[in-house]
PDB file of N, CA and C in Angstrom:
ATOM      1  N   UNK A   1      -6.715-111.989  33.360  1.00  0.00           N
ATOM      2  CA  UNK A   1      -6.414-110.599  33.013  1.00  0.00           C
ATOM      3  C   UNK A   1      -7.636-109.935  32.381  1.00  0.00           C
ATOM      4  N   UNK A   2      -7.816-108.685  32.711  1.00  0.00           N
ATOM      5  CA  UNK A   2      -8.984-107.996  32.149  1.00  0.00           C
ATOM      6  C   UNK A   2      -8.651-107.413  30.776  1.00  0.00           C
ATOM      7  N   UNK A   3      -9.675-107.339  29.941  1.00  0.00           N
ATOM      8  CA  UNK A   3      -9.505-106.788  28.589  1.00  0.00           C
ATOM      9  C   UNK A   3      -9.448-105.264  28.612  1.00  0.00           C
ATOM     10  N   UNK A   4     -10.262-104.642  29.455  1.00  0.00           N
ATOM     11  CA  UNK A   4     -10.344-103.177  29.460  1.00  0.00           C
ATOM     12  C   UNK A   4      -9.579-102.597  30.639  1.00  0.00           C
ATOM     13  N   UNK A   5      -9.105-101.409  30.411  1.00  0.00           N
ATOM     14  CA  UNK A   5      -8.362-100.688  31.426  1.00  0.00           C
ATOM     15  C   UNK A   5      -9.334-100.202  32.504  1.00  0.00           C
ATOM     16  N   UNK A   6      -8.960-100.263  33.731  1.00  0.00           N
ATOM     17  CA  UNK A   6      -9.864 -99.809  34.780  1.00  0.00           C
ATOM     18  C   UNK A   6      -9.578 -98.353  35.132  1.00  0.00           C
ATOM     19  N   UNK A   7     -10.587 -97.677  35.591  1.00  0.00           N
ATOM     20  CA  UNK A   7     -10.490 -96.318  36.139  1.00  0.00           C
ATOM     21  C   UNK A   7     -10.005 -95.292  35.127  1.00  0.00           C
ATOM     22  N   UNK A   8     -10.939 -94.539  34.606  1.00  0.00           N
ATOM     23  CA  UNK A   8     -10.556 -93.368  33.823  1.00  0.00           C
ATOM     24  C   UNK A   8     -10.771 -93.459  32.331  1.00  0.00           C
ATOM     25  N   UNK A   9     -10.727 -94.593  31.735  1.00  0.00           N
ATOM     26  CA  UNK A   9     -10.907 -94.630  30.279  1.00  0.00           C
ATOM     27  C   UNK A   9     -12.364 -94.948  29.955  1.00  0.00           C
ATOM     28  N   UNK A  10     -12.855 -94.312  28.943  1.00  0.00           N
ATOM     29  CA  UNK A  10     -14.236 -94.552  28.527  1.00  0.00           C
ATOM     30  C   UNK A  10     -14.269 -94.709  27.018  1.00  0.00           C
ATOM     31  N   UNK A  11     -15.175 -95.528  26.547  1.00  0.00           N
ATOM     32  CA  UNK A  11     -15.274 -95.742  25.094  1.00  0.00           C
ATOM     33  C   UNK A  11     -16.129 -94.666  24.432  1.00  0.00           C
ATOM     34  N   UNK A  12     -16.833 -93.849  25.231  1.00  0.00           N
ATOM     35  CA  UNK A  12     -17.726 -92.834  24.677  1.00  0.00           C
ATOM     36  C   UNK A  12     -17.156 -91.420  24.779  1.00  0.00           C
ATOM     37  N   UNK A  13     -15.848 -91.284  24.961  1.00  0.00           N
ATOM     38  CA  UNK A  13     -15.245 -89.987  25.219  1.00  0.00           C
ATOM     39  C   UNK A  13     -14.934 -89.136  24.005  1.00  0.00           C
ATOM     40  N   UNK A  14     -15.278 -89.588  22.806  1.00  0.00           N
ATOM     41  CA  UNK A  14     -14.938 -88.821  21.603  1.00  0.00           C
ATOM     42  C   UNK A  14     -16.003 -87.769  21.314  1.00  0.00           C
ATOM     43  N   UNK A  15     -15.562 -86.633  20.787  1.00  0.00           N
ATOM     44  CA  UNK A  15     -16.494 -85.566  20.454  1.00  0.00           C
ATOM     45  C   UNK A  15     -15.918 -84.792  19.278  1.00  0.00           C
ATOM     46  N   UNK A  16     -16.788 -84.161  18.492  1.00  0.00           N
ATOM     47  CA  UNK A  16     -16.305 -83.388  17.345  1.00  0.00           C
ATOM     48  C   UNK A  16     -15.831 -82.011  17.805  1.00  0.00           C
ATOM     49  N   UNK A  17     -14.946 -81.418  16.999  1.00  0.00           N
ATOM     50  CA  UNK A  17     -14.428 -80.092  17.326  1.00  0.00           C
ATOM     51  C   UNK A  17     -15.494 -79.042  17.058  1.00  0.00           C
ATOM     52  N   UNK A  18     -15.508 -77.940  17.810  1.00  0.00           N
ATOM     53  CA  UNK A  18     -16.485 -76.886  17.559  1.00  0.00           C
ATOM     54  C   UNK A  18     -16.236 -76.210  16.222  1.00  0.00           C
ATOM     55  N   UNK A  19     -17.273 -75.701  15.574  1.00  0.00           N
ATOM     56  CA  UNK A  19     -17.158 -75.142  14.234  1.00  0.00           C
ATOM     57  C   UNK A  19     -16.950 -73.634  14.230  1.00  0.00           C
ATOM     58  N   UNK A  20     -17.127 -72.963  15.350  1.00  0.00           N
ATOM     59  CA  UNK A  20     -16.913 -71.520  15.478  1.00  0.00           C
ATOM     60  C   UNK A  20     -17.722 -70.723  14.460  1.00  0.00           C
ATOM     61  N   UNK A  21     -19.025 -70.989  14.401  1.00  0.00           N
ATOM     62  CA  UNK A  21     -19.909 -70.275  13.481  1.00  0.00           C
ATOM     63  C   UNK A  21     -20.320 -68.937  14.084  1.00  0.00           C
ATOM     64  N   UNK A  22     -20.882 -68.062  13.243  1.00  0.00           N
ATOM     65  CA  UNK A  22     -21.416 -66.798  13.738  1.00  0.00           C
ATOM     66  C   UNK A  22     -20.871 -65.603  12.992  1.00  0.00           C
ATOM     67  N   UNK A  23     -21.204 -64.426  13.499  1.00  0.00           N
ATOM     68  CA  UNK A  23     -20.807 -63.167  12.873  1.00  0.00           C
ATOM     69  C   UNK A  23     -19.381 -62.831  13.294  1.00  0.00           C
ATOM     70  N   UNK A  24     -18.506 -62.610  12.319  1.00  0.00           N
ATOM     71  CA  UNK A  24     -17.100 -62.293  12.591  1.00  0.00           C
ATOM     72  C   UNK A  24     -16.837 -60.789  12.503  1.00  0.00           C
ATOM     73  N   UNK A  25     -17.552 -60.080  11.616  1.00  0.00           N
ATOM     74  CA  UNK A  25     -17.450 -58.625  11.529  1.00  0.00           C
ATOM     75  C   UNK A  25     -18.851 -58.048  11.704  1.00  0.00           C
ATOM     76  N   UNK A  26     -19.040 -57.163  12.659  1.00  0.00           N
ATOM     77  CA  UNK A  26     -20.363 -56.583  12.883  1.00  0.00           C
ATOM     78  C   UNK A  26     -20.522 -55.307  12.072  1.00  0.00           C
ATOM     79  N   UNK A  27     -21.726 -54.759  12.066  1.00  0.00           N
ATOM     80  CA  UNK A  27     -22.035 -53.567  11.285  1.00  0.00           C
ATOM     81  C   UNK A  27     -21.186 -52.374  11.691  1.00  0.00           C
ATOM     82  N   UNK A  28     -20.647 -51.662  10.696  1.00  0.00           N
ATOM     83  CA  UNK A  28     -19.816 -50.508  10.960  1.00  0.00           C
ATOM     84  C   UNK A  28     -18.329 -50.799  10.982  1.00  0.00           C
ATOM     85  N   UNK A  29     -17.948 -52.079  11.008  1.00  0.00           N
ATOM     86  CA  UNK A  29     -16.536 -52.432  11.015  1.00  0.00           C
ATOM     87  C   UNK A  29     -15.983 -52.455   9.585  1.00  0.00           C
ATOM     88  N   UNK A  30     -14.666 -52.243   9.459  1.00  0.00           N
ATOM     89  CA  UNK A  30     -14.022 -52.245   8.143  1.00  0.00           C
ATOM     90  C   UNK A  30     -13.759 -53.676   7.688  1.00  0.00           C
ATOM     91  N   UNK A  31     -13.990 -53.922   6.377  1.00  0.00           N
ATOM     92  CA  UNK A  31     -13.739 -55.239   5.797  1.00  0.00           C
ATOM     93  C   UNK A  31     -12.710 -55.112   4.685  1.00  0.00           C
ATOM     94  N   UNK A  32     -11.758 -56.021   4.672  1.00  0.00           N
ATOM     95  CA  UNK A  32     -10.767 -56.102   3.602  1.00  0.00           C
ATOM     96  C   UNK A  32     -11.257 -57.130   2.575  1.00  0.00           C
ATOM     97  N   UNK A  33     -10.755 -57.083   1.338  1.00  0.00           N
ATOM     98  CA  UNK A  33     -11.137 -58.111   0.351  1.00  0.00           C
ATOM     99  C   UNK A  33     -10.742 -59.504   0.844  1.00  0.00           C
ATOM    100  N   UNK A  34     -11.695 -60.434   0.841  1.00  0.00           N
ATOM    101  CA  UNK A  34     -11.452 -61.802   1.291  1.00  0.00           C
ATOM    102  C   UNK A  34     -11.703 -62.032   2.761  1.00  0.00           C
ATOM    103  N   UNK A  35     -11.999 -60.993   3.528  1.00  0.00           N
ATOM    104  CA  UNK A  35     -12.231 -61.185   4.958  1.00  0.00           C
ATOM    105  C   UNK A  35     -13.604 -61.790   5.191  1.00  0.00           C
ATOM    106  N   UNK A  36     -13.666 -62.734   6.109  1.00  0.00           N
ATOM    107  CA  UNK A  36     -14.912 -63.443   6.413  1.00  0.00           C
ATOM    108  C   UNK A  36     -15.793 -62.558   7.282  1.00  0.00           C
ATOM    109  N   UNK A  37     -17.047 -62.408   6.857  1.00  0.00           N
ATOM    110  CA  UNK A  37     -18.004 -61.604   7.620  1.00  0.00           C
ATOM    111  C   UNK A  37     -18.853 -62.503   8.503  1.00  0.00           C
ATOM    112  N   UNK A  38     -19.391 -63.600   7.923  1.00  0.00           N
ATOM    113  CA  UNK A  38     -20.247 -64.519   8.675  1.00  0.00           C
ATOM    114  C   UNK A  38     -19.933 -65.958   8.296  1.00  0.00           C
ATOM    115  N   UNK A  39     -19.812 -66.815   9.296  1.00  0.00           N
ATOM    116  CA  UNK A  39     -19.754 -68.264   9.063  1.00  0.00           C
ATOM    117  C   UNK A  39     -21.102 -68.821   9.483  1.00  0.00           C
ATOM    118  N   UNK A  40     -21.752 -69.576   8.576  1.00  0.00           N
ATOM    119  CA  UNK A  40     -23.113 -70.046   8.846  1.00  0.00           C
ATOM    120  C   UNK A  40     -23.362 -71.390   8.183  1.00  0.00           C
ATOM    121  N   UNK A  41     -24.422 -72.060   8.630  1.00  0.00           N
ATOM    122  CA  UNK A  41     -24.912 -73.272   7.988  1.00  0.00           C
ATOM    123  C   UNK A  41     -26.266 -72.925   7.407  1.00  0.00           C
ATOM    124  N   UNK A  42     -26.416 -73.026   6.098  1.00  0.00           N
ATOM    125  CA  UNK A  42     -27.629 -72.556   5.446  1.00  0.00           C
ATOM    126  C   UNK A  42     -27.517 -71.068   5.204  1.00  0.00           C
ATOM    127  N   UNK A  43     -28.515 -70.482   4.561  1.00  0.00           N
ATOM    128  CA  UNK A  43     -28.445 -69.057   4.235  1.00  0.00           C
ATOM    129  C   UNK A  43     -29.335 -68.247   5.168  1.00  0.00           C
ATOM    130  N   UNK A  44     -28.928 -68.140   6.415  1.00  0.00           N
ATOM    131  CA  UNK A  44     -29.631 -67.290   7.373  1.00  0.00           C
ATOM    132  C   UNK A  44     -29.437 -65.831   6.985  1.00  0.00           C
ATOM    133  N   UNK A  45     -28.229 -65.491   6.559  1.00  0.00           N
ATOM    134  CA  UNK A  45     -27.916 -64.165   6.023  1.00  0.00           C
ATOM    135  C   UNK A  45     -27.670 -64.312   4.526  1.00  0.00           C
ATOM    136  N   UNK A  46     -28.103 -63.329   3.747  1.00  0.00           N
ATOM    137  CA  UNK A  46     -27.991 -63.365   2.297  1.00  0.00           C
ATOM    138  C   UNK A  46     -26.933 -62.353   1.862  1.00  0.00           C
ATOM    139  N   UNK A  47     -26.069 -62.709   0.888  1.00  0.00           N
ATOM    140  CA  UNK A  47     -25.066 -61.753   0.432  1.00  0.00           C
ATOM    141  C   UNK A  47     -25.678 -60.607  -0.355  1.00  0.00           C
ATOM    142  N   UNK A  48     -25.212 -59.403  -0.090  1.00  0.00           N
ATOM    143  CA  UNK A  48     -25.662 -58.216  -0.804  1.00  0.00           C
ATOM    144  C   UNK A  48     -24.553 -57.676  -1.686  1.00  0.00           C
ATOM    145  N   UNK A  49     -24.417 -56.357  -1.711  1.00  0.00           N
ATOM    146  CA  UNK A  49     -23.434 -55.689  -2.553  1.00  0.00           C
ATOM    147  C   UNK A  49     -22.015 -55.938  -2.037  1.00  0.00           C
ATOM    148  N   UNK A  50     -21.115 -56.327  -2.937  1.00  0.00           N
ATOM    149  CA  UNK A  50     -19.699 -56.593  -2.655  1.00  0.00           C
ATOM    150  C   UNK A  50     -19.479 -57.722  -1.650  1.00  0.00           C
ATOM    151  N   UNK A  51     -20.435 -58.644  -1.540  1.00  0.00           N
ATOM    152  CA  UNK A  51     -20.310 -59.806  -0.651  1.00  0.00           C
ATOM    153  C   UNK A  51     -20.637 -61.047  -1.467  1.00  0.00           C
ATOM    154  N   UNK A  52     -19.857 -62.098  -1.284  1.00  0.00           N
ATOM    155  CA  UNK A  52     -20.093 -63.364  -1.980  1.00  0.00           C
ATOM    156  C   UNK A  52     -20.293 -64.481  -0.964  1.00  0.00           C
ATOM    157  N   UNK A  53     -20.866 -65.602  -1.450  1.00  0.00           N
ATOM    158  CA  UNK A  53     -21.148 -66.759  -0.603  1.00  0.00           C
ATOM    159  C   UNK A  53     -20.230 -67.902  -0.995  1.00  0.00           C
ATOM    160  N   UNK A  54     -19.550 -68.498  -0.020  1.00  0.00           N
ATOM    161  CA  UNK A  54     -18.663 -69.627  -0.266  1.00  0.00           C
ATOM    162  C   UNK A  54     -19.441 -70.930  -0.329  1.00  0.00           C
ATOM    163  N   UNK A  55     -18.732 -72.044  -0.582  1.00  0.00           N
ATOM    164  CA  UNK A  55     -19.364 -73.363  -0.699  1.00  0.00           C
ATOM    165  C   UNK A  55     -20.024 -73.816   0.602  1.00  0.00           C
ATOM    166  N   UNK A  56     -19.480 -73.402   1.744  1.00  0.00           N
ATOM    167  CA  UNK A  56     -20.068 -73.781   3.040  1.00  0.00           C
ATOM    168  C   UNK A  56     -20.958 -72.669   3.589  1.00  0.00           C
ATOM    169  N   UNK A  57     -21.519 -71.820   2.692  1.00  0.00           N
ATOM    170  CA  UNK A  57     -22.440 -70.722   3.016  1.00  0.00           C
ATOM    171  C   UNK A  57     -21.770 -69.581   3.793  1.00  0.00           C
ATOM    172  N   UNK A  58     -20.446 -69.556   3.829  1.00  0.00           N
ATOM    173  CA  UNK A  58     -19.714 -68.464   4.468  1.00  0.00           C
ATOM    174  C   UNK A  58     -19.826 -67.203   3.616  1.00  0.00           C
ATOM    175  N   UNK A  59     -20.086 -66.066   4.238  1.00  0.00           N
ATOM    176  CA  UNK A  59     -20.141 -64.796   3.521  1.00  0.00           C
ATOM    177  C   UNK A  59     -18.829 -64.063   3.708  1.00  0.00           C
ATOM    178  N   UNK A  60     -18.247 -63.583   2.588  1.00  0.00           N
ATOM    179  CA  UNK A  60     -16.975 -62.880   2.645  1.00  0.00           C
ATOM    180  C   UNK A  60     -17.003 -61.652   1.745  1.00  0.00           C
ATOM    181  N   UNK A  61     -16.155 -60.683   2.053  1.00  0.00           N
ATOM    182  CA  UNK A  61     -16.113 -59.420   1.306  1.00  0.00           C
ATOM    183  C   UNK A  61     -15.260 -59.586   0.057  1.00  0.00           C
ATOM    184  N   UNK A  62     -15.652 -58.891  -1.040  1.00  0.00           N
ATOM    185  CA  UNK A  62     -14.825 -58.910  -2.249  1.00  0.00           C
ATOM    186  C   UNK A  62     -14.199 -57.546  -2.511  1.00  0.00           C
ATOM    187  N   UNK A  63     -14.619 -56.518  -1.752  1.00  0.00           N
ATOM    188  CA  UNK A  63     -14.037 -55.183  -1.867  1.00  0.00           C
ATOM    189  C   UNK A  63     -13.812 -54.604  -0.475  1.00  0.00           C
ATOM    190  N   UNK A  64     -12.945 -53.614  -0.421  1.00  0.00           N
ATOM    191  CA  UNK A  64     -12.664 -52.931   0.838  1.00  0.00           C
ATOM    192  C   UNK A  64     -13.826 -51.988   1.152  1.00  0.00           C
ATOM    193  N   UNK A  65     -14.264 -51.945   2.391  1.00  0.00           N
ATOM    194  CA  UNK A  65     -15.360 -51.057   2.764  1.00  0.00           C
ATOM    195  C   UNK A  65     -15.852 -51.333   4.168  1.00  0.00           C
ATOM    196  N   UNK A  66     -17.053 -50.824   4.452  1.00  0.00           N
ATOM    197  CA  UNK A  66     -17.660 -50.955   5.777  1.00  0.00           C
ATOM    198  C   UNK A  66     -18.857 -51.900   5.692  1.00  0.00           C
ATOM    199  N   UNK A  67     -18.955 -52.802   6.663  1.00  0.00           N
ATOM    200  CA  UNK A  67     -20.015 -53.813   6.694  1.00  0.00           C
ATOM    201  C   UNK A  67     -21.331 -53.164   7.092  1.00  0.00           C
ATOM    202  N   UNK A  68     -22.419 -53.538   6.390  1.00  0.00           N
ATOM    203  CA  UNK A  68     -23.748 -52.996   6.679  1.00  0.00           C
ATOM    204  C   UNK A  68     -24.761 -54.131   6.669  1.00  0.00           C
ATOM    205  N   UNK A  69     -25.620 -54.182   7.699  1.00  0.00           N
ATOM    206  CA  UNK A  69     -26.677 -55.185   7.801  1.00  0.00           C
ATOM    207  C   UNK A  69     -28.026 -54.509   7.564  1.00  0.00           C
ATOM    208  N   UNK A  70     -28.863 -55.102   6.698  1.00  0.00           N
ATOM    209  CA  UNK A  70     -30.184 -54.554   6.372  1.00  0.00           C
ATOM    210  C   UNK A  70     -31.185 -55.701   6.355  1.00  0.00           C
ATOM    211  N   UNK A  71     -32.414 -55.439   6.787  1.00  0.00           N
ATOM    212  CA  UNK A  71     -33.487 -56.420   6.685  1.00  0.00           C
ATOM    213  C   UNK A  71     -34.398 -56.027   5.528  1.00  0.00           C
ATOM    214  N   UNK A  72     -34.612 -56.962   4.582  1.00  0.00           N
ATOM    215  CA  UNK A  72     -35.441 -56.687   3.410  1.00  0.00           C
ATOM    216  C   UNK A  72     -36.505 -57.746   3.263  1.00  0.00           C
ATOM    217  N   UNK A  73     -37.588 -57.382   2.568  1.00  0.00           N
ATOM    218  CA  UNK A  73     -38.614 -58.360   2.200  1.00  0.00           C
ATOM    219  C   UNK A  73     -38.241 -58.907   0.835  1.00  0.00           C
ATOM    220  N   UNK A  74     -38.086 -60.227   0.755  1.00  0.00           N
ATOM    221  CA  UNK A  74     -37.672 -60.857  -0.497  1.00  0.00           C
ATOM    222  C   UNK A  74     -38.788 -61.765  -0.980  1.00  0.00           C
ATOM    223  N   UNK A  75     -39.074 -61.680  -2.282  1.00  0.00           N
ATOM    224  CA  UNK A  75     -40.102 -62.508  -2.898  1.00  0.00           C
ATOM    225  C   UNK A  75     -39.458 -63.763  -3.459  1.00  0.00           C
ATOM    226  N   UNK A  76     -39.994 -64.932  -3.075  1.00  0.00           N
ATOM    227  CA  UNK A  76     -39.467 -66.198  -3.570  1.00  0.00           C
ATOM    228  C   UNK A  76     -40.089 -66.527  -4.922  1.00  0.00           C
ATOM    229  N   UNK A  77     -39.603 -67.589  -5.553  1.00  0.00           N
ATOM    230  CA  UNK A  77     -40.096 -67.982  -6.871  1.00  0.00           C
ATOM    231  C   UNK A  77     -41.540 -68.477  -6.842  1.00  0.00           C
ATOM    232  N   UNK A  78     -41.977 -69.019  -5.711  1.00  0.00           N
ATOM    233  CA  UNK A  78     -43.361 -69.502  -5.621  1.00  0.00           C
ATOM    234  C   UNK A  78     -44.338 -68.403  -5.209  1.00  0.00           C
ATOM    235  N   UNK A  79     -43.875 -67.153  -5.108  1.00  0.00           N
ATOM    236  CA  UNK A  79     -44.751 -66.031  -4.787  1.00  0.00           C
ATOM    237  C   UNK A  79     -44.767 -65.651  -3.320  1.00  0.00           C
ATOM    238  N   UNK A  80     -44.250 -66.511  -2.456  1.00  0.00           N
ATOM    239  CA  UNK A  80     -44.205 -66.198  -1.028  1.00  0.00           C
ATOM    240  C   UNK A  80     -43.179 -65.109  -0.755  1.00  0.00           C
ATOM    241  N   UNK A  81     -43.400 -64.379   0.322  1.00  0.00           N
ATOM    242  CA  UNK A  81     -42.447 -63.353   0.730  1.00  0.00           C
ATOM    243  C   UNK A  81     -41.879 -63.727   2.086  1.00  0.00           C
ATOM    244  N   UNK A  82     -40.637 -63.327   2.314  1.00  0.00           N
ATOM    245  CA  UNK A  82     -40.035 -63.551   3.624  1.00  0.00           C
ATOM    246  C   UNK A  82     -39.098 -62.405   3.952  1.00  0.00           C
ATOM    247  N   UNK A  83     -38.897 -62.197   5.250  1.00  0.00           N
ATOM    248  CA  UNK A  83     -37.949 -61.195   5.704  1.00  0.00           C
ATOM    249  C   UNK A  83     -36.564 -61.836   5.660  1.00  0.00           C
ATOM    250  N   UNK A  84     -35.620 -61.145   5.036  1.00  0.00           N
ATOM    251  CA  UNK A  84     -34.270 -61.695   4.914  1.00  0.00           C
ATOM    252  C   UNK A  84     -33.263 -60.672   5.418  1.00  0.00           C
ATOM    253  N   UNK A  85     -32.221 -61.179   6.064  1.00  0.00           N
ATOM    254  CA  UNK A  85     -31.131 -60.329   6.539  1.00  0.00           C
ATOM    255  C   UNK A  85     -30.058 -60.303   5.465  1.00  0.00           C
ATOM    256  N   UNK A  86     -29.788 -59.108   4.939  1.00  0.00           N
ATOM    257  CA  UNK A  86     -28.835 -58.929   3.848  1.00  0.00           C
ATOM    258  C   UNK A  86     -27.583 -58.234   4.371  1.00  0.00           C
ATOM    259  N   UNK A  87     -26.419 -58.773   3.989  1.00  0.00           N
ATOM    260  CA  UNK A  87     -25.138 -58.203   4.407  1.00  0.00           C
ATOM    261  C   UNK A  87     -24.466 -57.607   3.176  1.00  0.00           C
ATOM    262  N   UNK A  88     -24.039 -56.360   3.281  1.00  0.00           N
ATOM    263  CA  UNK A  88     -23.337 -55.724   2.168  1.00  0.00           C
ATOM    264  C   UNK A  88     -22.125 -54.959   2.691  1.00  0.00           C
ATOM    265  N   UNK A  89     -21.189 -54.683   1.765  1.00  0.00           N
ATOM    266  CA  UNK A  89     -19.995 -53.907   2.092  1.00  0.00           C
ATOM    267  C   UNK A  89     -20.013 -52.672   1.221  1.00  0.00           C
ATOM    268  N   UNK A  90     -19.989 -51.489   1.848  1.00  0.00           N
ATOM    269  CA  UNK A  90     -20.056 -50.233   1.075  1.00  0.00           C
ATOM    270  C   UNK A  90     -18.856 -49.366   1.344  1.00  0.00           C
TER     271      UNK A  90
END
């Protein structure tokens, strides 16, 4: 008798579920308090006015308003500057 099943079963068929990252509310859309604006890994987008960052770097609104995306030059602690995408709710 064979140990493994023939035809169709594979030991390498497991895969992780997709994480569904990305922008959930685009610029100009209305945001409610607690609504998720962006799901991300790392801080590609930085929270601005009326936006907070969750433990998994998710950005969410804390007040009702309209989502706005802005690009700013931000100075780091070591003196370097970088262009950063800032998300705010106004």
